[in-house]
């Protein structure tokens, strides 16, 4: 099995734990505050991990264009977390997660439009099934 597949599956497992643990943690706290606390914990953990792995020296090698896109990605991620935790606070966990996974559909569309990735009928069918599955879970 290719390494990227293992990482993607681990990402899915950890993302599912975000929903479960987040739902329990949101019981008596504002969703924006919870997202902020979560982000601070993540930032601290990642800074520590970067030092432990000896990756910090690569910071000076990041080009300006890459840095702009990383910053924009960070803003998009923060907005995603804010919306996700707000939905998780008030909605059923499995329904919120199902709709959140529609991000796959948006990734496909944006990748075709902006990254020049191939549009295939097989992928389009998969996207259609994901949309159907998300709405069936509601």
N, C-alpha and C. Protein backbone atom coordinates (compact mmCIF):
# COMPACT_ATOMS: atom_id res chain seq x y z
N UNK A 1 0.84 -1.18 0.00
CA UNK A 1 0.00 0.00 0.00
C UNK A 1 0.89 1.24 0.00
N UNK A 2 0.52 2.22 -0.81
CA UNK A 2 1.30 3.44 -0.91
C UNK A 2 1.15 4.28 0.35
N UNK A 3 2.20 5.00 0.70
CA UNK A 3 2.24 5.78 1.93
C UNK A 3 1.14 6.83 2.00
N UNK A 4 0.83 7.46 0.88
CA UNK A 4 -0.19 8.51 0.90
C UNK A 4 -1.56 7.93 1.26
N UNK A 5 -1.81 6.68 0.90
CA UNK A 5 -3.09 6.04 1.24
C UNK A 5 -3.18 5.84 2.75
N UNK A 6 -2.09 5.41 3.34
CA UNK A 6 -2.05 5.21 4.80
C UNK A 6 -2.30 6.55 5.50
N UNK A 7 -1.62 7.60 5.05
CA UNK A 7 -1.81 8.93 5.64
C UNK A 7 -3.26 9.41 5.47
N UNK A 8 -3.84 9.18 4.31
CA UNK A 8 -5.22 9.61 4.06
C UNK A 8 -6.19 8.86 4.97
N UNK A 9 -5.96 7.57 5.16
CA UNK A 9 -6.83 6.80 6.05
C UNK A 9 -6.66 7.24 7.51
N UNK A 10 -5.43 7.51 7.92
CA UNK A 10 -5.20 8.04 9.26
C UNK A 10 -5.90 9.39 9.44
N UNK A 11 -5.85 10.22 8.41
CA UNK A 11 -6.53 11.50 8.45
C UNK A 11 -8.03 11.31 8.66
N UNK A 12 -8.62 10.35 7.97
CA UNK A 12 -10.05 10.07 8.11
C UNK A 12 -10.38 9.60 9.53
N UNK A 13 -9.54 8.73 10.09
CA UNK A 13 -9.78 8.24 11.45
C UNK A 13 -9.70 9.40 12.44
N UNK A 14 -8.65 10.22 12.34
CA UNK A 14 -8.51 11.34 13.27
C UNK A 14 -9.62 12.37 13.07
N UNK A 15 -10.04 12.59 11.82
CA UNK A 15 -11.14 13.53 11.57
C UNK A 15 -12.43 13.02 12.22
N UNK A 16 -12.64 11.72 12.21
CA UNK A 16 -13.83 11.18 12.87
C UNK A 16 -13.76 11.42 14.38
N UNK A 17 -12.56 11.32 14.94
CA UNK A 17 -12.40 11.59 16.38
C UNK A 17 -12.62 13.06 16.70
N UNK A 18 -12.31 13.96 15.76
CA UNK A 18 -12.59 15.39 15.96
C UNK A 18 -14.09 15.57 16.18
N UNK A 19 -14.89 14.89 15.38
CA UNK A 19 -16.35 15.02 15.51
C UNK A 19 -16.83 14.46 16.85
N UNK A 20 -16.39 13.28 17.20
CA UNK A 20 -16.87 12.63 18.42
C UNK A 20 -16.39 13.38 19.66
N UNK A 21 -15.09 13.61 19.75
CA UNK A 21 -14.54 14.30 20.92
C UNK A 21 -15.02 15.75 20.98
N UNK A 22 -15.11 16.40 19.83
CA UNK A 22 -15.58 17.78 19.77
C UNK A 22 -17.02 17.91 20.24
N UNK A 23 -17.88 17.00 19.83
CA UNK A 23 -19.29 17.04 20.23
C UNK A 23 -19.40 16.96 21.75
N UNK A 24 -18.66 16.06 22.37
CA UNK A 24 -18.69 15.93 23.83
C UNK A 24 -18.12 17.19 24.48
N UNK A 25 -17.01 17.72 23.93
CA UNK A 25 -16.37 18.89 24.50
C UNK A 25 -17.19 20.16 24.35
N UNK A 26 -18.08 20.22 23.37
CA UNK A 26 -18.88 21.41 23.11
C UNK A 26 -20.10 21.54 24.01
N UNK A 27 -20.33 20.54 24.83
CA UNK A 27 -21.57 20.49 25.61
C UNK A 27 -21.86 21.79 26.36
N UNK A 28 -20.87 22.32 27.05
CA UNK A 28 -21.10 23.49 27.90
C UNK A 28 -20.20 24.67 27.55
N UNK A 29 -19.84 24.80 26.27
CA UNK A 29 -18.92 25.86 25.88
C UNK A 29 -19.34 26.44 24.52
N UNK A 30 -19.06 27.71 24.31
CA UNK A 30 -19.33 28.37 23.04
C UNK A 30 -18.47 27.74 21.95
N UNK A 31 -19.04 27.55 20.78
CA UNK A 31 -18.31 26.86 19.70
C UNK A 31 -17.11 27.66 19.21
N UNK A 32 -17.20 28.99 19.19
CA UNK A 32 -16.05 29.79 18.76
C UNK A 32 -14.90 29.68 19.76
N UNK A 33 -15.23 29.73 21.03
CA UNK A 33 -14.21 29.57 22.06
C UNK A 33 -13.58 28.18 21.98
N UNK A 34 -14.40 27.17 21.79
CA UNK A 34 -13.89 25.79 21.67
C UNK A 34 -12.96 25.66 20.48
N UNK A 35 -13.32 26.28 19.36
CA UNK A 35 -12.47 26.23 18.16
C UNK A 35 -11.14 26.92 18.43
N UNK A 36 -11.18 28.04 19.13
CA UNK A 36 -9.96 28.77 19.46
C UNK A 36 -9.05 27.95 20.36
N UNK A 37 -9.62 27.34 21.39
CA UNK A 37 -8.83 26.49 22.30
C UNK A 37 -8.23 25.34 21.51
N UNK A 38 -9.03 24.71 20.66
CA UNK A 38 -8.55 23.59 19.84
C UNK A 38 -7.40 24.04 18.93
N UNK A 39 -7.54 25.21 18.32
CA UNK A 39 -6.50 25.72 17.43
C UNK A 39 -5.21 26.00 18.18
N UNK A 40 -5.32 26.54 19.38
CA UNK A 40 -4.12 26.81 20.19
C UNK A 40 -3.41 25.50 20.56
N UNK A 41 -4.18 24.51 20.94
CA UNK A 41 -3.60 23.21 21.27
C UNK A 41 -2.92 22.60 20.05
N UNK A 42 -3.59 22.69 18.91
CA UNK A 42 -3.01 22.17 17.67
C UNK A 42 -1.73 22.91 17.33
N UNK A 43 -1.75 24.23 17.43
CA UNK A 43 -0.56 25.02 17.10
C UNK A 43 0.60 24.64 18.00
N UNK A 44 0.34 24.56 19.30
CA UNK A 44 1.40 24.18 20.24
C UNK A 44 1.95 22.79 19.95
N UNK A 45 1.06 21.85 19.69
CA UNK A 45 1.47 20.49 19.38
C UNK A 45 2.33 20.45 18.11
N UNK A 46 1.89 21.17 17.09
CA UNK A 46 2.62 21.16 15.82
C UNK A 46 3.97 21.87 15.92
N UNK A 47 4.05 22.95 16.69
CA UNK A 47 5.34 23.63 16.89
C UNK A 47 6.30 22.68 17.60
N UNK A 48 5.81 22.03 18.65
CA UNK A 48 6.64 21.06 19.38
C UNK A 48 7.10 19.93 18.46
N UNK A 49 6.18 19.39 17.68
CA UNK A 49 6.52 18.30 16.76
C UNK A 49 7.55 18.75 15.71
N UNK A 50 7.40 19.96 15.21
CA UNK A 50 8.33 20.50 14.23
C UNK A 50 9.74 20.60 14.81
N UNK A 51 9.84 21.05 16.06
CA UNK A 51 11.15 21.11 16.72
C UNK A 51 11.71 19.71 16.95
N UNK A 52 10.88 18.80 17.45
CA UNK A 52 11.33 17.44 17.75
C UNK A 52 11.84 16.75 16.48
N UNK A 53 11.17 16.96 15.37
CA UNK A 53 11.56 16.34 14.10
C UNK A 53 12.67 17.10 13.37
N UNK A 54 13.08 18.23 13.92
CA UNK A 54 14.16 19.00 13.30
C UNK A 54 13.79 19.65 11.98
N UNK A 55 12.54 20.04 11.84
CA UNK A 55 12.06 20.61 10.56
C UNK A 55 12.05 22.13 10.57
N UNK A 56 12.29 22.76 11.71
CA UNK A 56 12.14 24.21 11.83
C UNK A 56 13.09 24.97 10.91
N UNK A 57 14.27 24.43 10.63
CA UNK A 57 15.24 25.14 9.78
C UNK A 57 14.74 25.32 8.34
N UNK A 58 13.73 24.61 7.93
CA UNK A 58 13.17 24.75 6.59
C UNK A 58 12.29 25.97 6.42
N UNK A 59 12.01 26.66 7.52
CA UNK A 59 11.13 27.82 7.47
C UNK A 59 11.66 28.91 6.53
N UNK A 60 12.96 29.11 6.54
CA UNK A 60 13.55 30.16 5.70
C UNK A 60 13.52 29.82 4.21
N UNK A 61 13.24 28.57 3.90
CA UNK A 61 13.21 28.14 2.49
C UNK A 61 11.85 28.32 1.83
N UNK A 62 10.85 28.71 2.60
CA UNK A 62 9.51 28.86 2.03
C UNK A 62 9.48 30.12 1.16
N UNK A 63 9.10 29.96 -0.09
CA UNK A 63 9.00 31.09 -1.02
C UNK A 63 7.76 31.93 -0.69
N UNK A 64 7.78 33.19 -1.08
CA UNK A 64 6.68 34.11 -0.78
C UNK A 64 5.34 33.61 -1.32
N UNK A 65 5.34 33.13 -2.56
CA UNK A 65 4.10 32.65 -3.16
C UNK A 65 3.55 31.47 -2.36
N UNK A 66 4.42 30.56 -1.98
CA UNK A 66 3.98 29.41 -1.17
C UNK A 66 3.44 29.87 0.16
N UNK A 67 4.10 30.84 0.77
CA UNK A 67 3.68 31.35 2.07
C UNK A 67 2.29 31.98 1.99
N UNK A 68 2.03 32.72 0.92
CA UNK A 68 0.71 33.34 0.74
C UNK A 68 -0.37 32.26 0.68
N UNK A 69 -0.12 31.21 -0.10
CA UNK A 69 -1.11 30.15 -0.23
C UNK A 69 -1.26 29.35 1.06
N UNK A 70 -0.19 29.17 1.80
CA UNK A 70 -0.28 28.50 3.10
C UNK A 70 -1.10 29.35 4.07
N UNK A 71 -0.87 30.66 4.06
CA UNK A 71 -1.64 31.57 4.92
C UNK A 71 -3.12 31.55 4.56
N UNK A 72 -3.42 31.59 3.25
CA UNK A 72 -4.81 31.53 2.81
C UNK A 72 -5.44 30.19 3.20
N UNK A 73 -4.67 29.12 3.10
CA UNK A 73 -5.15 27.81 3.52
C UNK A 73 -5.46 27.80 5.01
N UNK A 74 -4.62 28.46 5.79
CA UNK A 74 -4.85 28.56 7.23
C UNK A 74 -6.13 29.31 7.55
N UNK A 75 -6.38 30.39 6.84
CA UNK A 75 -7.61 31.16 7.05
C UNK A 75 -8.82 30.30 6.66
N UNK A 76 -8.73 29.62 5.52
CA UNK A 76 -9.83 28.74 5.09
C UNK A 76 -10.06 27.63 6.11
N UNK A 77 -8.97 27.07 6.63
CA UNK A 77 -9.10 26.03 7.66
C UNK A 77 -9.77 26.54 8.91
N UNK A 78 -9.39 27.74 9.35
CA UNK A 78 -10.00 28.33 10.54
C UNK A 78 -11.49 28.58 10.33
N UNK A 79 -11.85 29.10 9.16
CA UNK A 79 -13.26 29.34 8.86
C UNK A 79 -14.03 28.02 8.81
N UNK A 80 -13.39 26.99 8.25
CA UNK A 80 -14.00 25.66 8.20
C UNK A 80 -14.26 25.13 9.61
N UNK A 81 -13.25 25.26 10.49
CA UNK A 81 -13.40 24.78 11.87
C UNK A 81 -14.49 25.55 12.61
N UNK A 82 -14.53 26.87 12.42
CA UNK A 82 -15.56 27.67 13.07
C UNK A 82 -16.96 27.20 12.65
N UNK A 83 -17.14 27.03 11.36
CA UNK A 83 -18.45 26.58 10.86
C UNK A 83 -18.75 25.15 11.32
N UNK A 84 -17.74 24.29 11.30
CA UNK A 84 -17.92 22.89 11.70
C UNK A 84 -18.31 22.78 13.16
N UNK A 85 -17.59 23.50 14.04
CA UNK A 85 -17.91 23.43 15.47
C UNK A 85 -19.26 24.08 15.77
N UNK A 86 -19.62 25.13 15.05
CA UNK A 86 -20.94 25.75 15.23
C UNK A 86 -22.04 24.76 14.84
N UNK A 87 -21.83 24.06 13.74
CA UNK A 87 -22.81 23.05 13.31
C UNK A 87 -22.84 21.88 14.29
N UNK A 88 -21.68 21.46 14.75
CA UNK A 88 -21.57 20.33 15.66
C UNK A 88 -22.24 20.64 17.01
N UNK A 89 -22.15 21.88 17.43
CA UNK A 89 -22.74 22.30 18.71
C UNK A 89 -24.25 22.06 18.72
N UNK A 90 -24.90 22.33 17.59
CA UNK A 90 -26.36 22.29 17.56
C UNK A 90 -26.95 21.14 16.76
N UNK A 91 -26.14 20.51 15.93
CA UNK A 91 -26.69 19.47 15.05
C UNK A 91 -26.25 18.07 15.44
N UNK A 92 -26.92 17.07 14.86
CA UNK A 92 -26.53 15.68 15.09
C UNK A 92 -25.14 15.41 14.49
N UNK A 93 -24.28 14.77 15.24
CA UNK A 93 -22.89 14.56 14.85
C UNK A 93 -22.75 13.89 13.49
N UNK A 94 -23.49 12.81 13.26
CA UNK A 94 -23.35 12.09 11.99
C UNK A 94 -23.86 12.90 10.81
N UNK A 95 -24.90 13.70 11.03
CA UNK A 95 -25.41 14.54 9.95
C UNK A 95 -24.43 15.66 9.60
N UNK A 96 -23.89 16.30 10.64
CA UNK A 96 -22.91 17.37 10.43
C UNK A 96 -21.70 16.81 9.69
N UNK A 97 -21.23 15.65 10.13
CA UNK A 97 -20.06 15.05 9.51
C UNK A 97 -20.34 14.66 8.06
N UNK A 98 -21.53 14.14 7.79
CA UNK A 98 -21.88 13.76 6.42
C UNK A 98 -21.87 14.97 5.49
N UNK A 99 -22.47 16.07 5.94
CA UNK A 99 -22.47 17.27 5.11
C UNK A 99 -21.07 17.87 4.98
N UNK A 100 -20.29 17.80 6.06
CA UNK A 100 -18.92 18.30 6.01
C UNK A 100 -18.10 17.54 4.97
N UNK A 101 -18.36 16.27 4.81
CA UNK A 101 -17.61 15.45 3.85
C UNK A 101 -17.96 15.79 2.40
N UNK A 102 -18.97 16.64 2.22
CA UNK A 102 -19.22 17.15 0.87
C UNK A 102 -18.05 18.01 0.39
N UNK A 103 -17.13 18.30 1.29
CA UNK A 103 -15.90 19.01 0.88
C UNK A 103 -15.20 18.23 -0.23
N UNK A 104 -15.37 16.92 -0.26
CA UNK A 104 -14.77 16.09 -1.32
C UNK A 104 -15.30 16.55 -2.68
N UNK A 105 -16.57 16.86 -2.72
CA UNK A 105 -17.19 17.33 -3.97
C UNK A 105 -16.57 18.66 -4.39
N UNK A 106 -16.45 19.57 -3.44
CA UNK A 106 -15.85 20.88 -3.74
C UNK A 106 -14.39 20.74 -4.15
N UNK A 107 -13.66 19.85 -3.50
CA UNK A 107 -12.26 19.62 -3.87
C UNK A 107 -12.19 19.15 -5.32
N UNK A 108 -13.05 18.22 -5.69
CA UNK A 108 -13.06 17.71 -7.07
C UNK A 108 -13.32 18.85 -8.05
N UNK A 109 -14.35 19.64 -7.80
CA UNK A 109 -14.71 20.74 -8.72
C UNK A 109 -13.57 21.76 -8.79
N UNK A 110 -13.05 22.19 -7.63
CA UNK A 110 -11.97 23.18 -7.62
C UNK A 110 -10.69 22.63 -8.25
N UNK A 111 -10.39 21.35 -8.04
CA UNK A 111 -9.19 20.76 -8.62
C UNK A 111 -9.28 20.73 -10.15
N UNK A 112 -10.47 20.44 -10.66
CA UNK A 112 -10.67 20.45 -12.11
C UNK A 112 -10.57 21.87 -12.65
N UNK A 113 -11.24 22.82 -11.98
CA UNK A 113 -11.28 24.20 -12.47
C UNK A 113 -9.96 24.94 -12.33
N UNK A 114 -9.29 24.76 -11.18
CA UNK A 114 -8.14 25.61 -10.87
C UNK A 114 -6.78 24.91 -10.94
N UNK A 115 -6.78 23.60 -10.79
CA UNK A 115 -5.50 22.87 -10.81
C UNK A 115 -5.30 22.08 -12.10
N UNK A 116 -6.30 22.09 -12.96
CA UNK A 116 -6.18 21.39 -14.23
C UNK A 116 -6.21 19.87 -14.10
N UNK A 117 -6.75 19.37 -12.98
CA UNK A 117 -6.85 17.92 -12.84
C UNK A 117 -7.92 17.39 -13.77
N UNK A 118 -7.80 16.14 -14.13
CA UNK A 118 -8.68 15.55 -15.13
C UNK A 118 -10.10 15.35 -14.59
N UNK A 119 -11.07 15.72 -15.43
CA UNK A 119 -12.47 15.39 -15.16
C UNK A 119 -12.73 14.06 -15.82
N UNK A 120 -13.09 13.08 -15.05
CA UNK A 120 -13.45 11.78 -15.62
C UNK A 120 -14.87 11.45 -15.19
N UNK A 121 -15.53 10.67 -16.00
CA UNK A 121 -16.90 10.26 -15.66
C UNK A 121 -16.92 9.35 -14.45
N UNK A 122 -15.86 8.60 -14.29
CA UNK A 122 -15.74 7.72 -13.12
C UNK A 122 -15.69 8.57 -11.85
N UNK A 123 -14.88 9.62 -11.86
CA UNK A 123 -14.78 10.51 -10.70
C UNK A 123 -16.10 11.27 -10.49
N UNK A 124 -16.71 11.72 -11.59
CA UNK A 124 -17.99 12.42 -11.48
C UNK A 124 -19.07 11.52 -10.89
N UNK A 125 -19.07 10.25 -11.27
CA UNK A 125 -20.01 9.30 -10.70
C UNK A 125 -19.74 9.14 -9.20
N UNK A 126 -18.47 9.05 -8.83
CA UNK A 126 -18.11 8.96 -7.42
C UNK A 126 -18.59 10.17 -6.64
N UNK A 127 -18.42 11.36 -7.22
CA UNK A 127 -18.90 12.59 -6.58
C UNK A 127 -20.42 12.53 -6.42
N UNK A 128 -21.10 12.07 -7.45
CA UNK A 128 -22.57 11.94 -7.37
C UNK A 128 -23.00 10.98 -6.27
N UNK A 129 -22.27 9.90 -6.13
CA UNK A 129 -22.58 8.93 -5.07
C UNK A 129 -22.30 9.51 -3.68
N UNK A 130 -21.24 10.31 -3.58
CA UNK A 130 -20.93 10.95 -2.29
C UNK A 130 -22.06 11.92 -1.92
N UNK A 131 -22.52 12.72 -2.88
CA UNK A 131 -23.62 13.65 -2.64
C UNK A 131 -24.86 12.87 -2.22
N UNK A 132 -25.17 11.82 -2.95
CA UNK A 132 -26.33 10.99 -2.61
C UNK A 132 -26.21 10.40 -1.22
N UNK A 133 -25.03 9.88 -0.91
CA UNK A 133 -24.78 9.28 0.40
C UNK A 133 -24.93 10.29 1.53
N UNK A 134 -24.41 11.50 1.30
CA UNK A 134 -24.51 12.53 2.33
C UNK A 134 -25.97 12.86 2.62
N UNK A 135 -26.78 12.99 1.57
CA UNK A 135 -28.17 13.33 1.79
C UNK A 135 -28.98 12.15 2.31
N UNK A 136 -28.58 10.93 1.99
CA UNK A 136 -29.23 9.76 2.57
C UNK A 136 -28.98 9.66 4.07
N UNK A 137 -27.84 10.14 4.53
CA UNK A 137 -27.52 10.09 5.96
C UNK A 137 -28.30 11.12 6.77
N UNK A 138 -28.81 12.14 6.11
CA UNK A 138 -29.55 13.18 6.84
C UNK A 138 -30.91 12.68 7.31
